[in-house]
mmCIF file of all heavy atoms, coordinates in Angstrom:
data_MODEL
# 
_entry.id   MODEL 
# 
loop_
_atom_site.group_PDB 
_atom_site.id 
_atom_site.type_symbol 
_atom_site.label_atom_id 
_atom_site.label_alt_id 
_atom_site.label_comp_id 
_atom_site.label_asym_id 
_atom_site.label_entity_id 
_atom_site.label_seq_id 
_atom_site.pdbx_PDB_ins_code 
_atom_site.Cartn_x 
_atom_site.Cartn_y 
_atom_site.Cartn_z 
_atom_site.occupancy 
_atom_site.B_iso_or_equiv 
_atom_site.pdbx_formal_charge 
_atom_site.auth_seq_id 
_atom_site.auth_comp_id 
_atom_site.auth_asym_id 
_atom_site.auth_atom_id 
_atom_site.pdbx_PDB_model_num 
ATOM 1   N N   . ARG A 1 1  ? 1.931  9.924   5.933   1.00 0.00 ? 1  ARG A N   1 
ATOM 2   C CA  . ARG A 1 1  ? 2.545  8.974   6.872   1.00 0.00 ? 1  ARG A CA  1 
ATOM 3   C C   . ARG A 1 1  ? 1.691  7.715   7.019   1.00 0.00 ? 1  ARG A C   1 
ATOM 4   O O   . ARG A 1 1  ? 2.188  6.597   6.955   1.00 0.00 ? 1  ARG A O   1 
ATOM 5   C CB  . ARG A 1 1  ? 2.729  9.633   8.243   1.00 0.00 ? 1  ARG A CB  1 
ATOM 6   C CG  . ARG A 1 1  ? 3.366  8.693   9.274   1.00 0.00 ? 1  ARG A CG  1 
ATOM 7   C CD  . ARG A 1 1  ? 2.986  9.001   10.696  1.00 0.00 ? 1  ARG A CD  1 
ATOM 8   N NE  . ARG A 1 1  ? 1.554  8.962   10.879  1.00 0.00 ? 1  ARG A NE  1 
ATOM 9   C CZ  . ARG A 1 1  ? 0.907  9.667   11.810  1.00 0.00 ? 1  ARG A CZ  1 
ATOM 10  N NH1 . ARG A 1 1  ? 1.552  10.481  12.604  1.00 0.00 ? 1  ARG A NH1 1 
ATOM 11  N NH2 . ARG A 1 1  ? -0.395 9.567   11.938  1.00 0.00 ? 1  ARG A NH2 1 
ATOM 12  N N   . ASP A 1 2  ? 0.379  7.914   7.197   1.00 0.00 ? 2  ASP A N   1 
ATOM 13  C CA  . ASP A 1 2  ? -0.523 6.771   7.364   1.00 0.00 ? 2  ASP A CA  1 
ATOM 14  C C   . ASP A 1 2  ? -0.537 5.887   6.122   1.00 0.00 ? 2  ASP A C   1 
ATOM 15  O O   . ASP A 1 2  ? -0.550 4.657   6.221   1.00 0.00 ? 2  ASP A O   1 
ATOM 16  C CB  . ASP A 1 2  ? -1.932 7.255   7.705   1.00 0.00 ? 2  ASP A CB  1 
ATOM 17  C CG  . ASP A 1 2  ? -2.014 7.914   9.076   1.00 0.00 ? 2  ASP A CG  1 
ATOM 18  O OD1 . ASP A 1 2  ? -1.061 7.773   9.875   1.00 0.00 ? 2  ASP A OD1 1 
ATOM 19  O OD2 . ASP A 1 2  ? -3.033 8.602   9.335   1.00 0.00 ? 2  ASP A OD2 1 
ATOM 20  N N   . ALA A 1 3  ? -0.522 6.526   4.952   1.00 0.00 ? 3  ALA A N   1 
ATOM 21  C CA  . ALA A 1 3  ? -0.509 5.750   3.705   1.00 0.00 ? 3  ALA A CA  1 
ATOM 22  C C   . ALA A 1 3  ? 0.790  4.960   3.570   1.00 0.00 ? 3  ALA A C   1 
ATOM 23  O O   . ALA A 1 3  ? 0.779  3.785   3.184   1.00 0.00 ? 3  ALA A O   1 
ATOM 24  C CB  . ALA A 1 3  ? -0.703 6.675   2.506   1.00 0.00 ? 3  ALA A CB  1 
ATOM 25  N N   . LEU A 1 4  ? 1.908  5.585   3.899   1.00 0.00 ? 4  LEU A N   1 
ATOM 26  C CA  . LEU A 1 4  ? 3.188  4.880   3.821   1.00 0.00 ? 4  LEU A CA  1 
ATOM 27  C C   . LEU A 1 4  ? 3.239  3.700   4.784   1.00 0.00 ? 4  LEU A C   1 
ATOM 28  O O   . LEU A 1 4  ? 3.753  2.632   4.440   1.00 0.00 ? 4  LEU A O   1 
ATOM 29  C CB  . LEU A 1 4  ? 4.345  5.843   4.096   1.00 0.00 ? 4  LEU A CB  1 
ATOM 30  C CG  . LEU A 1 4  ? 4.613  6.880   3.010   1.00 0.00 ? 4  LEU A CG  1 
ATOM 31  C CD1 . LEU A 1 4  ? 5.655  7.888   3.490   1.00 0.00 ? 4  LEU A CD1 1 
ATOM 32  C CD2 . LEU A 1 4  ? 5.048  6.224   1.719   1.00 0.00 ? 4  LEU A CD2 1 
ATOM 33  N N   . ARG A 1 5  ? 2.715  3.897   5.980   1.00 0.00 ? 5  ARG A N   1 
ATOM 34  C CA  . ARG A 1 5  ? 2.682  2.782   6.938   1.00 0.00 ? 5  ARG A CA  1 
ATOM 35  C C   . ARG A 1 5  ? 1.813  1.641   6.409   1.00 0.00 ? 5  ARG A C   1 
ATOM 36  O O   . ARG A 1 5  ? 2.167  0.474   6.542   1.00 0.00 ? 5  ARG A O   1 
ATOM 37  C CB  . ARG A 1 5  ? 2.182  3.259   8.294   1.00 0.00 ? 5  ARG A CB  1 
ATOM 38  C CG  . ARG A 1 5  ? 3.181  4.132   9.013   1.00 0.00 ? 5  ARG A CG  1 
ATOM 39  C CD  . ARG A 1 5  ? 2.882  4.229   10.496  1.00 0.00 ? 5  ARG A CD  1 
ATOM 40  N NE  . ARG A 1 5  ? 3.665  5.258   11.131  1.00 0.00 ? 5  ARG A NE  1 
ATOM 41  C CZ  . ARG A 1 5  ? 4.938  5.140   11.470  1.00 0.00 ? 5  ARG A CZ  1 
ATOM 42  N NH1 . ARG A 1 5  ? 5.570  4.028   11.209  1.00 0.00 ? 5  ARG A NH1 1 
ATOM 43  N NH2 . ARG A 1 5  ? 5.580  6.120   12.057  1.00 0.00 ? 5  ARG A NH2 1 
ATOM 44  N N   . HIS A 1 6  ? 0.676  2.010   5.807   1.00 0.00 ? 6  HIS A N   1 
ATOM 45  C CA  . HIS A 1 6  ? -0.192 0.971   5.251   1.00 0.00 ? 6  HIS A CA  1 
ATOM 46  C C   . HIS A 1 6  ? 0.543  0.212   4.147   1.00 0.00 ? 6  HIS A C   1 
ATOM 47  O O   . HIS A 1 6  ? 0.531  -1.022  4.122   1.00 0.00 ? 6  HIS A O   1 
ATOM 48  C CB  . HIS A 1 6  ? -1.486 1.567   4.679   1.00 0.00 ? 6  HIS A CB  1 
ATOM 49  C CG  . HIS A 1 6  ? -2.259 0.563   3.890   1.00 0.00 ? 6  HIS A CG  1 
ATOM 50  N ND1 . HIS A 1 6  ? -3.079 -0.375  4.493   1.00 0.00 ? 6  HIS A ND1 1 
ATOM 51  C CD2 . HIS A 1 6  ? -2.297 0.307   2.564   1.00 0.00 ? 6  HIS A CD2 1 
ATOM 52  C CE1 . HIS A 1 6  ? -3.593 -1.155  3.554   1.00 0.00 ? 6  HIS A CE1 1 
ATOM 53  N NE2 . HIS A 1 6  ? -3.134 -0.745  2.373   1.00 0.00 ? 6  HIS A NE2 1 
ATOM 54  N N   . VAL A 1 7  ? 1.175  0.953   3.243   1.00 0.00 ? 7  VAL A N   1 
ATOM 55  C CA  . VAL A 1 7  ? 1.869  0.314   2.131   1.00 0.00 ? 7  VAL A CA  1 
ATOM 56  C C   . VAL A 1 7  ? 3.000  -0.577  2.652   1.00 0.00 ? 7  VAL A C   1 
ATOM 57  O O   . VAL A 1 7  ? 3.212  -1.680  2.150   1.00 0.00 ? 7  VAL A O   1 
ATOM 58  C CB  . VAL A 1 7  ? 2.402  1.370   1.134   1.00 0.00 ? 7  VAL A CB  1 
ATOM 59  C CG1 . VAL A 1 7  ? 3.310  0.744   0.099   1.00 0.00 ? 7  VAL A CG1 1 
ATOM 60  C CG2 . VAL A 1 7  ? 1.227  2.080   0.457   1.00 0.00 ? 7  VAL A CG2 1 
ATOM 61  N N   . ALA A 1 8  ? 3.700  -0.129  3.673   1.00 0.00 ? 8  ALA A N   1 
ATOM 62  C CA  . ALA A 1 8  ? 4.791  -0.925  4.242   1.00 0.00 ? 8  ALA A CA  1 
ATOM 63  C C   . ALA A 1 8  ? 4.279  -2.240  4.823   1.00 0.00 ? 8  ALA A C   1 
ATOM 64  O O   . ALA A 1 8  ? 4.980  -3.260  4.771   1.00 0.00 ? 8  ALA A O   1 
ATOM 65  C CB  . ALA A 1 8  ? 5.517  -0.115  5.319   1.00 0.00 ? 8  ALA A CB  1 
ATOM 66  N N   . ASP A 1 9  ? 3.065  -2.229  5.344   1.00 0.00 ? 9  ASP A N   1 
ATOM 67  C CA  . ASP A 1 9  ? 2.492  -3.422  5.981   1.00 0.00 ? 9  ASP A CA  1 
ATOM 68  C C   . ASP A 1 9  ? 1.413  -4.083  5.139   1.00 0.00 ? 9  ASP A C   1 
ATOM 69  O O   . ASP A 1 9  ? 0.753  -5.013  5.612   1.00 0.00 ? 9  ASP A O   1 
ATOM 70  C CB  . ASP A 1 9  ? 1.902  -3.042  7.345   1.00 0.00 ? 9  ASP A CB  1 
ATOM 71  C CG  . ASP A 1 9  ? 2.955  -2.501  8.300   1.00 0.00 ? 9  ASP A CG  1 
ATOM 72  O OD1 . ASP A 1 9  ? 4.122  -2.926  8.186   1.00 0.00 ? 9  ASP A OD1 1 
ATOM 73  O OD2 . ASP A 1 9  ? 2.612  -1.644  9.135   1.00 0.00 ? 9  ASP A OD2 1 
ATOM 74  N N   . CYS A 1 10 ? 1.212  -3.620  3.920   1.00 0.00 ? 10 CYS A N   1 
ATOM 75  C CA  . CYS A 1 10 ? 0.118  -4.093  3.079   1.00 0.00 ? 10 CYS A CA  1 
ATOM 76  C C   . CYS A 1 10 ? 0.246  -5.595  2.799   1.00 0.00 ? 10 CYS A C   1 
ATOM 77  O O   . CYS A 1 10 ? 1.318  -6.074  2.433   1.00 0.00 ? 10 CYS A O   1 
ATOM 78  C CB  . CYS A 1 10 ? 0.117  -3.314  1.763   1.00 0.00 ? 10 CYS A CB  1 
ATOM 79  S SG  . CYS A 1 10 ? -1.268 -3.761  0.698   1.00 0.00 ? 10 CYS A SG  1 
ATOM 80  N N   . PRO A 1 11 ? -0.865 -6.330  2.946   1.00 0.00 ? 11 PRO A N   1 
ATOM 81  C CA  . PRO A 1 11 ? -0.815 -7.774  2.695   1.00 0.00 ? 11 PRO A CA  1 
ATOM 82  C C   . PRO A 1 11 ? -0.889 -8.130  1.199   1.00 0.00 ? 11 PRO A C   1 
ATOM 83  O O   . PRO A 1 11 ? -0.763 -9.310  0.849   1.00 0.00 ? 11 PRO A O   1 
ATOM 84  C CB  . PRO A 1 11 ? -2.061 -8.295  3.434   1.00 0.00 ? 11 PRO A CB  1 
ATOM 85  C CG  . PRO A 1 11 ? -3.003 -7.146  3.437   1.00 0.00 ? 11 PRO A CG  1 
ATOM 86  C CD  . PRO A 1 11 ? -2.155 -5.917  3.505   1.00 0.00 ? 11 PRO A CD  1 
ATOM 87  N N   . ALA A 1 12 ? -1.053 -7.149  0.324   1.00 0.00 ? 12 ALA A N   1 
ATOM 88  C CA  . ALA A 1 12 ? -1.134 -7.438  -1.106  1.00 0.00 ? 12 ALA A CA  1 
ATOM 89  C C   . ALA A 1 12 ? 0.174  -8.077  -1.580  1.00 0.00 ? 12 ALA A C   1 
ATOM 90  O O   . ALA A 1 12 ? 1.246  -7.815  -1.043  1.00 0.00 ? 12 ALA A O   1 
ATOM 91  C CB  . ALA A 1 12 ? -1.400 -6.155  -1.889  1.00 0.00 ? 12 ALA A CB  1 
ATOM 92  N N   . ALA A 1 13 ? 0.057  -8.921  -2.605  1.00 0.00 ? 13 ALA A N   1 
ATOM 93  C CA  . ALA A 1 13 ? 1.226  -9.639  -3.130  1.00 0.00 ? 13 ALA A CA  1 
ATOM 94  C C   . ALA A 1 13 ? 2.306  -8.670  -3.610  1.00 0.00 ? 13 ALA A C   1 
ATOM 95  O O   . ALA A 1 13 ? 3.494  -8.880  -3.364  1.00 0.00 ? 13 ALA A O   1 
ATOM 96  C CB  . ALA A 1 13 ? 0.802  -10.573 -4.256  1.00 0.00 ? 13 ALA A CB  1 
ATOM 97  N N   . THR A 1 14 ? 1.899  -7.607  -4.292  1.00 0.00 ? 14 THR A N   1 
ATOM 98  C CA  . THR A 1 14 ? 2.845  -6.566  -4.703  1.00 0.00 ? 14 THR A CA  1 
ATOM 99  C C   . THR A 1 14 ? 2.213  -5.219  -4.384  1.00 0.00 ? 14 THR A C   1 
ATOM 100 O O   . THR A 1 14 ? 0.996  -5.111  -4.224  1.00 0.00 ? 14 THR A O   1 
ATOM 101 C CB  . THR A 1 14 ? 3.150  -6.613  -6.218  1.00 0.00 ? 14 THR A CB  1 
ATOM 102 O OG1 . THR A 1 14 ? 2.000  -6.175  -6.937  1.00 0.00 ? 14 THR A OG1 1 
ATOM 103 C CG2 . THR A 1 14 ? 3.566  -8.002  -6.665  1.00 0.00 ? 14 THR A CG2 1 
ATOM 104 N N   . HIS A 1 15 ? 3.034  -4.206  -4.346  1.00 0.00 ? 15 HIS A N   1 
ATOM 105 C CA  . HIS A 1 15 ? 2.501  -2.875  -4.059  1.00 0.00 ? 15 HIS A CA  1 
ATOM 106 C C   . HIS A 1 15 ? 1.545  -2.421  -5.157  1.00 0.00 ? 15 HIS A C   1 
ATOM 107 O O   . HIS A 1 15 ? 0.595  -1.694  -4.898  1.00 0.00 ? 15 HIS A O   1 
ATOM 108 C CB  . HIS A 1 15 ? 3.644  -1.860  -3.899  1.00 0.00 ? 15 HIS A CB  1 
ATOM 109 C CG  . HIS A 1 15 ? 4.409  -2.071  -2.651  1.00 0.00 ? 15 HIS A CG  1 
ATOM 110 N ND1 . HIS A 1 15 ? 5.633  -2.676  -2.628  1.00 0.00 ? 15 HIS A ND1 1 
ATOM 111 C CD2 . HIS A 1 15 ? 4.111  -1.788  -1.361  1.00 0.00 ? 15 HIS A CD2 1 
ATOM 112 C CE1 . HIS A 1 15 ? 6.066  -2.750  -1.387  1.00 0.00 ? 15 HIS A CE1 1 
ATOM 113 N NE2 . HIS A 1 15 ? 5.161  -2.220  -0.595  1.00 0.00 ? 15 HIS A NE2 1 
ATOM 114 N N   . MET A 1 16 ? 1.776  -2.862  -6.369  1.00 0.00 ? 16 MET A N   1 
ATOM 115 C CA  . MET A 1 16 ? 0.901  -2.461  -7.478  1.00 0.00 ? 16 MET A CA  1 
ATOM 116 C C   . MET A 1 16 ? -0.481 -3.096  -7.369  1.00 0.00 ? 16 MET A C   1 
ATOM 117 O O   . MET A 1 16 ? -1.416 -2.654  -8.016  1.00 0.00 ? 16 MET A O   1 
ATOM 118 C CB  . MET A 1 16 ? 1.545  -2.806  -8.817  1.00 0.00 ? 16 MET A CB  1 
ATOM 119 C CG  . MET A 1 16 ? 2.841  -2.029  -9.074  1.00 0.00 ? 16 MET A CG  1 
ATOM 120 S SD  . MET A 1 16 ? 2.719  -0.244  -8.784  1.00 0.00 ? 16 MET A SD  1 
ATOM 121 C CE  . MET A 1 16 ? 1.626  0.245   -10.086 1.00 0.00 ? 16 MET A CE  1 
ATOM 122 N N   . ASP A 1 17 ? -0.642 -4.114  -6.520  1.00 0.00 ? 17 ASP A N   1 
ATOM 123 C CA  . ASP A 1 17 ? -1.952 -4.717  -6.278  1.00 0.00 ? 17 ASP A CA  1 
ATOM 124 C C   . ASP A 1 17 ? -2.688 -4.032  -5.132  1.00 0.00 ? 17 ASP A C   1 
ATOM 125 O O   . ASP A 1 17 ? -3.845 -4.350  -4.861  1.00 0.00 ? 17 ASP A O   1 
ATOM 126 C CB  . ASP A 1 17 ? -1.805 -6.212  -5.940  1.00 0.00 ? 17 ASP A CB  1 
ATOM 127 C CG  . ASP A 1 17 ? -1.290 -7.026  -7.114  1.00 0.00 ? 17 ASP A CG  1 
ATOM 128 O OD1 . ASP A 1 17 ? -1.501 -6.592  -8.271  1.00 0.00 ? 17 ASP A OD1 1 
ATOM 129 O OD2 . ASP A 1 17 ? -0.668 -8.081  -6.868  1.00 0.00 ? 17 ASP A OD2 1 
ATOM 130 N N   . CYS A 1 18 ? -2.042 -3.104  -4.473  1.00 0.00 ? 18 CYS A N   1 
ATOM 131 C CA  . CYS A 1 18 ? -2.620 -2.427  -3.309  1.00 0.00 ? 18 CYS A CA  1 
ATOM 132 C C   . CYS A 1 18 ? -3.358 -1.166  -3.755  1.00 0.00 ? 18 CYS A C   1 
ATOM 133 O O   . CYS A 1 18 ? -2.743 -0.238  -4.287  1.00 0.00 ? 18 CYS A O   1 
ATOM 134 C CB  . CYS A 1 18 ? -1.517 -2.062  -2.323  1.00 0.00 ? 18 CYS A CB  1 
ATOM 135 S SG  . CYS A 1 18 ? -2.104 -1.108  -0.906  1.00 0.00 ? 18 CYS A SG  1 
ATOM 136 N N   . PRO A 1 19 ? -4.672 -1.084  -3.541  1.00 0.00 ? 19 PRO A N   1 
ATOM 137 C CA  . PRO A 1 19 ? -5.432 0.102   -3.948  1.00 0.00 ? 19 PRO A CA  1 
ATOM 138 C C   . PRO A 1 19 ? -4.947 1.379   -3.242  1.00 0.00 ? 19 PRO A C   1 
ATOM 139 O O   . PRO A 1 19 ? -4.912 2.449   -3.840  1.00 0.00 ? 19 PRO A O   1 
ATOM 140 C CB  . PRO A 1 19 ? -6.872 -0.215  -3.556  1.00 0.00 ? 19 PRO A CB  1 
ATOM 141 C CG  . PRO A 1 19 ? -6.914 -1.665  -3.251  1.00 0.00 ? 19 PRO A CG  1 
ATOM 142 C CD  . PRO A 1 19 ? -5.525 -2.109  -2.965  1.00 0.00 ? 19 PRO A CD  1 
ATOM 143 N N   . LYS A 1 20 ? -4.567 1.255   -1.999  1.00 0.00 ? 20 LYS A N   1 
ATOM 144 C CA  . LYS A 1 20 ? -4.108 2.436   -1.264  1.00 0.00 ? 20 LYS A CA  1 
ATOM 145 C C   . LYS A 1 20 ? -2.786 2.955   -1.850  1.00 0.00 ? 20 LYS A C   1 
ATOM 146 O O   . LYS A 1 20 ? -2.571 4.159   -1.949  1.00 0.00 ? 20 LYS A O   1 
ATOM 147 C CB  . LYS A 1 20 ? -3.953 2.109   0.219   1.00 0.00 ? 20 LYS A CB  1 
ATOM 148 C CG  . LYS A 1 20 ? -3.971 3.306   1.107   1.00 0.00 ? 20 LYS A CG  1 
ATOM 149 C CD  . LYS A 1 20 ? -4.187 2.901   2.548   1.00 0.00 ? 20 LYS A CD  1 
ATOM 150 C CE  . LYS A 1 20 ? -4.685 4.089   3.339   1.00 0.00 ? 20 LYS A CE  1 
ATOM 151 N NZ  . LYS A 1 20 ? -5.125 3.732   4.662   1.00 0.00 ? 20 LYS A NZ  1 
ATOM 152 N N   . PHE A 1 21 ? -1.913 2.051   -2.258  1.00 0.00 ? 21 PHE A N   1 
ATOM 153 C CA  . PHE A 1 21 ? -0.651 2.455   -2.878  1.00 0.00 ? 21 PHE A CA  1 
ATOM 154 C C   . PHE A 1 21 ? -0.926 3.156   -4.206  1.00 0.00 ? 21 PHE A C   1 
ATOM 155 O O   . PHE A 1 21 ? -0.306 4.177   -4.514  1.00 0.00 ? 21 PHE A O   1 
ATOM 156 C CB  . PHE A 1 21 ? 0.257  1.242   -3.093  1.00 0.00 ? 21 PHE A CB  1 
ATOM 157 C CG  . PHE A 1 21 ? 1.590  1.591   -3.689  1.00 0.00 ? 21 PHE A CG  1 
ATOM 158 C CD1 . PHE A 1 21 ? 2.529  2.293   -2.956  1.00 0.00 ? 21 PHE A CD1 1 
ATOM 159 C CD2 . PHE A 1 21 ? 1.897  1.217   -4.996  1.00 0.00 ? 21 PHE A CD2 1 
ATOM 160 C CE1 . PHE A 1 21 ? 3.760  2.615   -3.504  1.00 0.00 ? 21 PHE A CE1 1 
ATOM 161 C CE2 . PHE A 1 21 ? 3.128  1.542   -5.547  1.00 0.00 ? 21 PHE A CE2 1 
ATOM 162 C CZ  . PHE A 1 21 ? 4.060  2.238   -4.803  1.00 0.00 ? 21 PHE A CZ  1 
ATOM 163 N N   . LYS A 1 22 ? -1.880 2.660   -4.969  1.00 0.00 ? 22 LYS A N   1 
ATOM 164 C CA  . LYS A 1 22 ? -2.235 3.299   -6.245  1.00 0.00 ? 22 LYS A CA  1 
ATOM 165 C C   . LYS A 1 22 ? -2.768 4.715   -6.000  1.00 0.00 ? 22 LYS A C   1 
ATOM 166 O O   . LYS A 1 22 ? -2.417 5.647   -6.719  1.00 0.00 ? 22 LYS A O   1 
ATOM 167 C CB  . LYS A 1 22 ? -3.248 2.454   -6.999  1.00 0.00 ? 22 LYS A CB  1 
ATOM 168 C CG  . LYS A 1 22 ? -2.661 1.187   -7.580  1.00 0.00 ? 22 LYS A CG  1 
ATOM 169 C CD  . LYS A 1 22 ? -3.726 0.402   -8.330  1.00 0.00 ? 22 LYS A CD  1 
ATOM 170 C CE  . LYS A 1 22 ? -3.155 -0.885  -8.870  1.00 0.00 ? 22 LYS A CE  1 
ATOM 171 N NZ  . LYS A 1 22 ? -4.162 -1.688  -9.563  1.00 0.00 ? 22 LYS A NZ  1 
ATOM 172 N N   . ARG A 1 23 ? -3.606 4.885   -4.972  1.00 0.00 ? 23 ARG A N   1 
ATOM 173 C CA  . ARG A 1 23 ? -4.111 6.228   -4.643  1.00 0.00 ? 23 ARG A CA  1 
ATOM 174 C C   . ARG A 1 23 ? -2.975 7.147   -4.206  1.00 0.00 ? 23 ARG A C   1 
ATOM 175 O O   . ARG A 1 23 ? -2.942 8.330   -4.550  1.00 0.00 ? 23 ARG A O   1 
ATOM 176 C CB  . ARG A 1 23 ? -5.184 6.149   -3.554  1.00 0.00 ? 23 ARG A CB  1 
ATOM 177 C CG  . ARG A 1 23 ? -6.526 5.630   -4.053  1.00 0.00 ? 23 ARG A CG  1 
ATOM 178 C CD  . ARG A 1 23 ? -7.642 5.880   -3.043  1.00 0.00 ? 23 ARG A CD  1 
ATOM 179 N NE  . ARG A 1 23 ? -7.382 5.347   -1.724  1.00 0.00 ? 23 ARG A NE  1 
ATOM 180 C CZ  . ARG A 1 23 ? -7.675 4.111   -1.316  1.00 0.00 ? 23 ARG A CZ  1 
ATOM 181 N NH1 . ARG A 1 23 ? -8.258 3.261   -2.138  1.00 0.00 ? 23 ARG A NH1 1 
ATOM 182 N NH2 . ARG A 1 23 ? -7.406 3.728   -0.087  1.00 0.00 ? 23 ARG A NH2 1 
ATOM 183 N N   . LEU A 1 24 ? -2.030 6.596   -3.475  1.00 0.00 ? 24 LEU A N   1 
ATOM 184 C CA  . LEU A 1 24 ? -0.875 7.374   -3.036  1.00 0.00 ? 24 LEU A CA  1 
ATOM 185 C C   . LEU A 1 24 ? -0.066 7.848   -4.241  1.00 0.00 ? 24 LEU A C   1 
ATOM 186 O O   . LEU A 1 24 ? 0.352  9.000   -4.311  1.00 0.00 ? 24 LEU A O   1 
ATOM 187 C CB  . LEU A 1 24 ? -0.005 6.539   -2.093  1.00 0.00 ? 24 LEU A CB  1 
ATOM 188 C CG  . LEU A 1 24 ? 1.281  7.177   -1.577  1.00 0.00 ? 24 LEU A CG  1 
ATOM 189 C CD1 . LEU A 1 24 ? 0.981  8.429   -0.770  1.00 0.00 ? 24 LEU A CD1 1 
ATOM 190 C CD2 . LEU A 1 24 ? 2.057  6.178   -0.733  1.00 0.00 ? 24 LEU A CD2 1 
# 
């Protein structure tokens, strides 16, 4: 849940640029 919330609000240009999304 916490990871999904982070990804939903992530300031990265794309989700593929988000390290947390990659770990997820």
